[in-house]
Amino acid sequence: MREFESLSRGSCFLVRPQQKSLSVRFHVVAPGHVTHPFKFPTIYPDSAFPWLKFVTSTHVRNAMQIRKSSGETEEEFSLRGKVFLHPQLDLSVLHLTTNEEDRLLSILEHLPLVSLLEGTSPHKDTNLVGHIFQPHTNGDLLLPKTVRGQVVEFEAGKKLFPQSTAERIFIASEEPTEEGMCGGPALLQQSDNSDGSPILHALGLIEAKIQPKAKELQKEFPNLTVCLSAKEISNFLKVVEKSLAAEQIISDWR
């Protein structure tokens, strides 16, 4: 094998670190099943992907792309080899190399940084933002997609997500989210800074399109998306930043 093949793809977003002294300027927040598909046998079953169990982190590399509105790749950025994978949740945090951070800043006039907004209330208008695979092409086209919806509340344990106690946000929409949107942010309505740069407030990260088990809920909410809450993401980013700070201290000491 001389070149890397595309193993998995999805959406992601950028968050600024809380600790300003870190050597990284952005966190790249993404779904764990995209960066580590070999860790998610329920999504990639052995019956369909028998070879995947032989793949490890040493066999893969990750990259972040900017896509044109037509779906083609406009820019690709290398990511550091170390990936922080949440031990229980479908969540990964990656980082650009220093040179790639500089290149990203030189390309984008206004960087689309996302601010994690912990806590919300029902009926909040929300935009589910990501990219979708374009069918009947060579598979390389990923079109930007926004699905408008509203936050709805359920008892998270009984009818929707009985296998997890993690905090999640549920979004009901007129149209369904599609494959490829996993990892994108669930955004409240956008506002702007004084310099014209966007302020993007995220309630969470798109996990999956789901179907409620209760039939009455299936009729009421035919298009329902579950998102990992901003609170869960923020908690994991604190762990990531502690690890980065410790590594930085060791590096500086050396």
Protein backbone atom coordinates (compact mmCIF):
# COMPACT_ATOMS: atom_id res chain seq x y z
CA MET A 1 0.00 0.00 0.00
CA ARG A 2 1.58 3.26 -1.16
CA GLU A 3 -1.22 5.72 -0.48
CA PHE A 4 -3.89 6.13 2.19
CA GLU A 5 -7.44 5.17 1.28
CA SER A 6 -10.43 7.07 2.66
CA LEU A 7 -11.56 5.05 5.69
CA SER A 8 -14.28 7.29 7.10
CA ARG A 9 -15.49 10.88 6.79
CA GLY A 10 -17.78 13.23 8.65
CA SER A 11 -18.17 16.82 9.81
CA CYS A 12 -16.30 18.74 12.49
CA PHE A 13 -16.03 22.21 14.05
CA LEU A 14 -13.45 24.44 15.75
CA VAL A 15 -13.47 25.55 19.39
CA ARG A 16 -10.98 27.93 21.01
CA PRO A 17 -9.22 26.51 24.10
CA GLN A 18 -10.12 27.92 27.51
CA GLN A 19 -6.46 27.91 28.57
CA LYS A 20 -4.74 30.66 26.60
CA SER A 21 -1.26 29.41 27.50
CA LEU A 22 -1.61 26.21 25.45
CA SER A 23 0.52 25.70 22.36
CA VAL A 24 -2.60 24.89 20.30
CA ARG A 25 -4.95 27.64 19.17
CA PHE A 26 -7.94 25.50 18.20
CA HIS A 27 -9.61 22.25 19.15
CA VAL A 28 -11.04 20.27 16.24
CA VAL A 29 -14.16 18.56 17.62
CA ALA A 30 -15.30 15.50 15.67
CA PRO A 31 -17.21 12.20 16.06
CA GLY A 32 -15.22 9.30 17.46
CA HIS A 33 -16.67 6.80 14.97
CA VAL A 34 -15.05 8.81 12.14
CA THR A 35 -11.56 9.05 13.65
CA HIS A 36 -11.69 5.55 15.16
CA PRO A 37 -14.18 3.41 13.19
CA PHE A 38 -12.43 0.27 14.46
CA LYS A 39 -13.59 1.20 17.98
CA PHE A 40 -17.30 1.25 17.03
CA PRO A 41 -18.39 -2.29 16.04
CA THR A 42 -22.07 -1.39 16.45
CA ILE A 43 -21.71 1.14 13.62
CA TYR A 44 -19.22 -0.89 11.58
CA PRO A 45 -20.17 -4.54 12.27
CA ASP A 46 -17.70 -7.33 11.71
CA SER A 47 -20.11 -8.99 9.27
CA ALA A 48 -19.79 -6.02 6.88
CA PHE A 49 -16.21 -4.95 7.72
CA PRO A 50 -14.30 -8.09 8.79
CA TRP A 51 -10.93 -6.49 8.02
CA LEU A 52 -11.56 -3.46 10.27
CA LYS A 53 -10.66 -5.36 13.46
CA PHE A 54 -7.07 -5.51 12.22
CA VAL A 55 -6.85 -1.71 11.90
CA THR A 56 -5.41 0.41 14.75
CA SER A 57 -4.54 4.06 15.26
CA THR A 58 -1.05 3.40 13.93
CA HIS A 59 -2.53 2.61 10.50
CA VAL A 60 -4.48 5.84 10.00
CA ARG A 61 -3.95 9.58 9.70
CA ASN A 62 -6.52 12.33 10.03
CA ALA A 63 -7.02 15.50 8.00
CA MET A 64 -9.42 18.44 8.05
CA GLN A 65 -10.83 19.84 4.83
CA ILE A 66 -12.59 23.00 3.75
CA ARG A 67 -15.20 22.22 1.12
CA LYS A 68 -16.53 24.47 -1.63
CA SER A 69 -20.29 25.02 -1.92
CA SER A 70 -20.17 22.64 -4.91
CA GLY A 71 -18.75 19.87 -2.70
CA GLU A 72 -15.13 19.70 -3.93
CA THR A 73 -12.17 19.99 -1.58
CA GLU A 74 -10.85 23.56 -1.44
CA GLU A 75 -8.13 23.10 1.19
CA GLU A 76 -6.82 20.19 3.25
CA PHE A 77 -4.98 20.54 6.55
CA SER A 78 -2.77 18.02 8.33
CA LEU A 79 -3.69 17.14 11.91
CA ARG A 80 -1.39 16.04 14.70
CA GLY A 81 -0.95 12.33 15.18
CA LYS A 82 -2.33 12.27 18.71
CA VAL A 83 -6.12 12.06 18.88
CA PHE A 84 -8.09 12.36 22.13
CA LEU A 85 -10.92 9.81 22.03
CA HIS A 86 -13.58 9.93 24.74
CA PRO A 87 -13.60 6.60 26.60
CA GLN A 88 -17.40 6.22 26.51
CA LEU A 89 -18.89 8.73 24.06
CA ASP A 90 -18.77 9.16 20.29
CA LEU A 91 -16.43 12.13 20.56
CA SER A 92 -12.88 12.94 19.46
CA VAL A 93 -10.69 16.02 19.78
CA LEU A 94 -7.87 16.67 17.33
CA HIS A 95 -5.45 19.52 16.65
CA LEU A 96 -3.81 21.16 13.68
CA THR A 97 -0.05 21.33 13.51
CA THR A 98 1.39 24.79 14.22
CA ASN A 99 2.18 25.41 10.55
CA GLU A 100 -1.32 24.36 9.55
CA GLU A 101 -2.86 26.68 12.14
CA ASP A 102 -0.94 29.56 10.56
CA ARG A 103 -2.05 28.51 7.08
CA LEU A 104 -5.69 28.26 8.15
CA LEU A 105 -5.58 31.76 9.62
CA SER A 106 -4.02 33.12 6.44
CA ILE A 107 -6.75 31.59 4.26
CA LEU A 108 -9.89 32.47 6.22
CA GLU A 109 -10.63 36.12 6.91
CA HIS A 110 -13.17 35.22 9.60
CA LEU A 111 -12.50 31.94 11.35
CA PRO A 112 -15.75 30.04 12.11
CA LEU A 113 -15.03 29.38 15.78
CA VAL A 114 -17.83 27.76 17.76
CA SER A 115 -18.74 28.76 21.31
CA LEU A 116 -20.21 25.92 23.38
CA LEU A 117 -23.45 27.00 25.02
CA GLU A 118 -24.29 24.84 28.03
CA GLY A 119 -27.97 24.49 28.86
CA THR A 120 -30.98 25.26 26.70
CA SER A 121 -34.77 25.28 26.76
CA PRO A 122 -37.37 23.60 24.52
CA HIS A 123 -38.53 25.14 21.25
CA LYS A 124 -35.23 26.90 20.60
CA ASP A 125 -34.75 27.31 16.84
CA THR A 126 -31.63 25.40 15.86
CA ASN A 127 -29.57 24.83 12.72
CA LEU A 128 -28.00 21.41 12.30
CA VAL A 129 -24.93 22.08 10.16
CA GLY A 130 -22.67 19.60 8.40
CA HIS A 131 -21.80 17.99 5.07
CA ILE A 132 -23.58 15.22 3.18
CA PHE A 133 -22.31 12.61 0.76
CA GLN A 134 -23.41 13.30 -2.80
CA PRO A 135 -24.88 10.12 -4.31
CA HIS A 136 -24.05 8.87 -7.81
CA THR A 137 -20.61 10.51 -7.86
CA ASN A 138 -17.10 9.22 -7.30
CA GLY A 139 -17.72 9.65 -3.57
CA ASP A 140 -15.45 12.64 -3.16
CA LEU A 141 -18.18 15.30 -3.13
CA LEU A 142 -19.38 16.48 0.29
CA LEU A 143 -22.03 19.17 0.03
CA PRO A 144 -22.68 21.64 2.87
CA LYS A 145 -26.08 21.08 4.43
CA THR A 146 -28.16 22.92 7.04
CA VAL A 147 -31.29 21.39 8.54
CA ARG A 148 -33.53 23.69 10.55
CA GLY A 149 -35.20 22.33 13.66
CA GLN A 150 -36.28 22.92 17.23
CA VAL A 151 -35.11 21.58 20.56
CA VAL A 152 -37.55 19.13 22.12
CA GLU A 153 -37.47 17.53 25.57
CA PHE A 154 -37.96 13.90 26.52
CA GLU A 155 -37.16 11.70 29.45
CA ALA A 156 -33.84 10.63 27.99
CA GLY A 157 -33.74 7.23 29.68
CA LYS A 158 -36.94 5.40 28.80
CA LYS A 159 -37.88 5.85 25.15
CA LEU A 160 -34.86 7.20 23.31
CA PHE A 161 -31.42 6.50 24.74
CA PRO A 162 -31.72 3.83 27.46
CA GLN A 163 -28.12 2.68 26.95
CA SER A 164 -26.51 5.92 28.09
CA THR A 165 -26.72 8.46 30.89
CA ALA A 166 -24.78 11.12 28.95
CA GLU A 167 -26.51 14.45 28.54
CA ARG A 168 -28.02 14.84 25.09
CA ILE A 169 -30.09 17.35 23.13
CA PHE A 170 -32.91 16.25 20.83
CA ILE A 171 -33.76 18.25 17.70
CA ALA A 172 -36.99 17.75 15.72
CA SER A 173 -36.91 18.94 12.11
CA GLU A 174 -39.06 18.94 8.98
CA GLU A 175 -36.40 17.18 6.93
CA PRO A 176 -34.00 14.49 8.15
CA THR A 177 -30.30 14.87 8.79
CA GLU A 178 -28.22 12.82 6.38
CA GLU A 179 -25.09 10.67 6.33
CA GLY A 180 -21.99 12.82 6.69
CA MET A 181 -23.55 15.41 9.01
CA CYS A 182 -22.40 13.55 12.14
CA GLY A 183 -19.90 15.72 13.98
CA GLY A 184 -21.35 19.02 12.83
CA PRO A 185 -22.64 21.54 15.38
CA ALA A 186 -26.23 22.22 16.43
CA LEU A 187 -26.19 26.02 16.24
CA LEU A 188 -28.49 28.68 17.58
CA GLN A 189 -29.26 31.61 15.31
CA GLN A 190 -26.05 33.32 14.25
CA SER A 191 -24.98 36.79 15.38
CA ASP A 192 -21.89 38.81 14.44
CA ASN A 193 -18.99 40.50 16.18
CA SER A 194 -18.29 44.16 15.53
CA ASP A 195 -15.66 43.18 12.93
CA GLY A 196 -18.20 41.13 10.98
CA SER A 197 -16.92 37.73 12.11
CA PRO A 198 -19.66 35.25 13.02
CA ILE A 199 -20.56 34.28 16.58
CA LEU A 200 -21.58 30.62 16.48
CA HIS A 201 -23.28 29.30 19.62
CA ALA A 202 -23.52 25.50 19.67
CA LEU A 203 -25.87 23.45 21.82
CA GLY A 204 -24.03 20.26 20.93
CA LEU A 205 -22.57 17.91 18.32
CA ILE A 206 -24.71 15.94 15.86
CA GLU A 207 -24.55 12.25 16.76
CA ALA A 208 -27.20 10.47 14.73
CA LYS A 209 -30.68 10.43 13.28
CA ILE A 210 -32.84 8.30 15.56
CA GLN A 211 -36.32 6.83 15.66
CA PRO A 212 -38.20 6.84 18.98
CA LYS A 213 -39.35 3.42 20.14
CA ALA A 214 -42.79 4.68 21.12
CA LYS A 215 -45.11 4.72 18.08
CA GLU A 216 -46.85 7.89 19.17
CA LEU A 217 -43.51 9.69 19.21
CA GLN A 218 -42.62 8.30 15.79
CA LYS A 219 -45.69 9.99 14.33
CA GLU A 220 -45.11 13.24 16.18
CA PHE A 221 -41.38 13.39 15.43
CA PRO A 222 -40.62 11.58 12.15
CA ASN A 223 -37.28 13.40 11.84
CA LEU A 224 -35.41 13.41 15.12
CA THR A 225 -31.69 14.00 15.63
CA VAL A 226 -29.77 13.36 18.83
CA CYS A 227 -26.83 15.62 19.72
CA LEU A 228 -24.18 15.22 22.37
CA SER A 229 -24.63 18.25 24.62
CA ALA A 230 -22.23 21.18 24.83
CA LYS A 231 -21.78 20.36 28.52
CA GLU A 232 -20.40 16.90 27.75
CA ILE A 233 -18.07 18.34 25.11
CA SER A 234 -16.86 21.09 27.45
CA ASN A 235 -16.16 18.56 30.20
CA PHE A 236 -14.03 16.48 27.85
CA LEU A 237 -12.19 19.54 26.53
CA LYS A 238 -11.14 20.34 30.10
CA VAL A 239 -9.57 16.88 30.34
CA VAL A 240 -7.87 17.35 26.96
CA GLU A 241 -6.47 20.74 27.97
CA LYS A 242 -5.06 19.35 31.22
CA SER A 243 -3.27 16.67 29.23
CA LEU A 244 -1.93 19.21 26.72
CA ALA A 245 -0.73 21.48 29.53
CA ALA A 246 1.09 18.59 31.21
CA GLU A 247 2.75 17.59 27.94
CA GLN A 248 3.78 21.22 27.39
CA ILE A 249 5.39 21.43 30.84
CA ILE A 250 7.41 18.26 30.16
CA SER A 251 8.43 19.57 26.74
CA ASP A 252 9.50 22.94 28.18
CA TRP A 253 11.48 21.19 30.94
CA ARG A 254 13.36 19.13 28.39
